[in-house]
Amino acid sequence: MKAAVDQELCIGCGVCEGVCPEVFQMNDEGLAEAIKAEIDQEVLEEAKQAQTECPVEAITIE
């Protein structure tokens, strides 16, 4: 599975990075980005939790 962050929606709150730093990090512009091409099975639940907690629904996981 892969994660993506819609940069147009992201407000840079950092929730995703706090919940799942193995998959998400804040970039130089202060917005979140997915840093892994494939989400490891061990952190998939955390990545999905980050998606759920995103206040602007900027994260997709497919």
C-alpha atoms as a PDB file:
ATOM      1  CA  MET A   1       0.000   0.000   0.000  1.00  0.00           C
ATOM      2  CA  LYS A   2       1.073   3.567  -0.648  1.00  0.00           C
ATOM      3  CA  ALA A   3       0.400   6.841   1.144  1.00  0.00           C
ATOM      4  CA  ALA A   4       0.055  10.260  -0.436  1.00  0.00           C
ATOM      5  CA  VAL A   5      -0.484  13.727   0.995  1.00  0.00           C
ATOM      6  CA  ASP A   6      -2.449  16.321  -0.978  1.00  0.00           C
ATOM      7  CA  GLN A   7      -0.224  19.389  -0.644  1.00  0.00           C
ATOM      8  CA  GLU A   8      -3.131  21.665  -1.602  1.00  0.00           C
ATOM      9  CA  LEU A   9      -5.127  20.489   1.429  1.00  0.00           C
ATOM     10  CA  CYS A  10      -2.326  20.026   3.975  1.00  0.00           C
ATOM     11  CA  ILE A  11      -2.190  22.718   6.674  1.00  0.00           C
ATOM     12  CA  GLY A  12       1.103  21.533   8.183  1.00  0.00           C
ATOM     13  CA  CYS A  13      -0.298  20.563  11.582  1.00  0.00           C
ATOM     14  CA  GLY A  14       2.135  17.637  11.947  1.00  0.00           C
ATOM     15  CA  VAL A  15      -0.404  15.142  13.294  1.00  0.00           C
ATOM     16  CA  CYS A  16       0.553  12.518  10.708  1.00  0.00           C
ATOM     17  CA  GLU A  17       4.254  12.779  11.495  1.00  0.00           C
ATOM     18  CA  GLY A  18       3.496  12.480  15.199  1.00  0.00           C
ATOM     19  CA  VAL A  19       1.357   9.373  14.689  1.00  0.00           C
ATOM     20  CA  CYS A  20       3.505   7.643  12.050  1.00  0.00           C
ATOM     21  CA  PRO A  21       6.972   9.172  11.524  1.00  0.00           C
ATOM     22  CA  GLU A  22       8.043   6.050   9.608  1.00  0.00           C
ATOM     23  CA  VAL A  23       5.778   7.122   6.727  1.00  0.00           C
ATOM     24  CA  PHE A  24       5.230  10.895   7.076  1.00  0.00           C
ATOM     25  CA  GLN A  25       7.508  13.874   7.629  1.00  0.00           C
ATOM     26  CA  MET A  26       7.269  17.626   7.335  1.00  0.00           C
ATOM     27  CA  ASN A  27       9.058  19.140   4.330  1.00  0.00           C
ATOM     28  CA  ASP A  28      10.939  22.441   4.023  1.00  0.00           C
ATOM     29  CA  GLU A  29       7.687  24.267   3.241  1.00  0.00           C
ATOM     30  CA  GLY A  30       6.177  23.031   6.508  1.00  0.00           C
ATOM     31  CA  LEU A  31       3.797  20.607   4.812  1.00  0.00           C
ATOM     32  CA  ALA A  32       3.556  16.862   5.295  1.00  0.00           C
ATOM     33  CA  GLU A  33       4.802  14.378   2.734  1.00  0.00           C
ATOM     34  CA  ALA A  34       4.911  10.611   2.478  1.00  0.00           C
ATOM     35  CA  ILE A  35       8.519   9.415   2.638  1.00  0.00           C
ATOM     36  CA  LYS A  36       8.069   5.717   1.820  1.00  0.00           C
ATOM     37  CA  ALA A  37       7.148   4.312  -1.574  1.00  0.00           C
ATOM     38  CA  GLU A  38       5.500   1.326   0.097  1.00  0.00           C
ATOM     39  CA  ILE A  39       4.084   1.246   3.615  1.00  0.00           C
ATOM     40  CA  ASP A  40       5.621  -1.558   5.663  1.00  0.00           C
ATOM     41  CA  GLN A  41       3.020  -3.938   7.076  1.00  0.00           C
ATOM     42  CA  GLU A  42       4.364  -3.265  10.583  1.00  0.00           C
ATOM     43  CA  VAL A  43       3.296   0.409  10.441  1.00  0.00           C
ATOM     44  CA  LEU A  44       0.198   0.154   8.243  1.00  0.00           C
ATOM     45  CA  GLU A  45      -2.191   0.596  11.172  1.00  0.00           C
ATOM     46  CA  GLU A  46      -0.300   3.714  12.314  1.00  0.00           C
ATOM     47  CA  ALA A  47      -0.429   5.134   8.778  1.00  0.00           C
ATOM     48  CA  LYS A  48      -4.181   4.517   8.650  1.00  0.00           C
ATOM     49  CA  GLN A  49      -4.523   6.191  12.056  1.00  0.00           C
ATOM     50  CA  ALA A  50      -2.686   9.240  10.685  1.00  0.00           C
ATOM     51  CA  GLN A  51      -5.115   9.290   7.757  1.00  0.00           C
ATOM     52  CA  THR A  52      -8.064   9.190  10.168  1.00  0.00           C
ATOM     53  CA  GLU A  53      -6.641  11.921  12.416  1.00  0.00           C
ATOM     54  CA  CYS A  54      -5.749  14.342   9.595  1.00  0.00           C
ATOM     55  CA  PRO A  55      -8.043  17.339  10.257  1.00  0.00           C
ATOM     56  CA  VAL A  56      -8.305  18.259   6.560  1.00  0.00           C
ATOM     57  CA  GLU A  57      -8.403  14.722   5.101  1.00  0.00           C
ATOM     58  CA  ALA A  58      -5.257  15.344   3.035  1.00  0.00           C
ATOM     59  CA  ILE A  59      -3.950  11.758   3.310  1.00  0.00           C
ATOM     60  CA  THR A  60      -4.871   8.903   1.022  1.00  0.00           C
ATOM     61  CA  ILE A  61      -3.733   5.315   1.438  1.00  0.00           C
ATOM     62  CA  GLU A  62      -4.214   2.901  -1.445  1.00  0.00           C
END
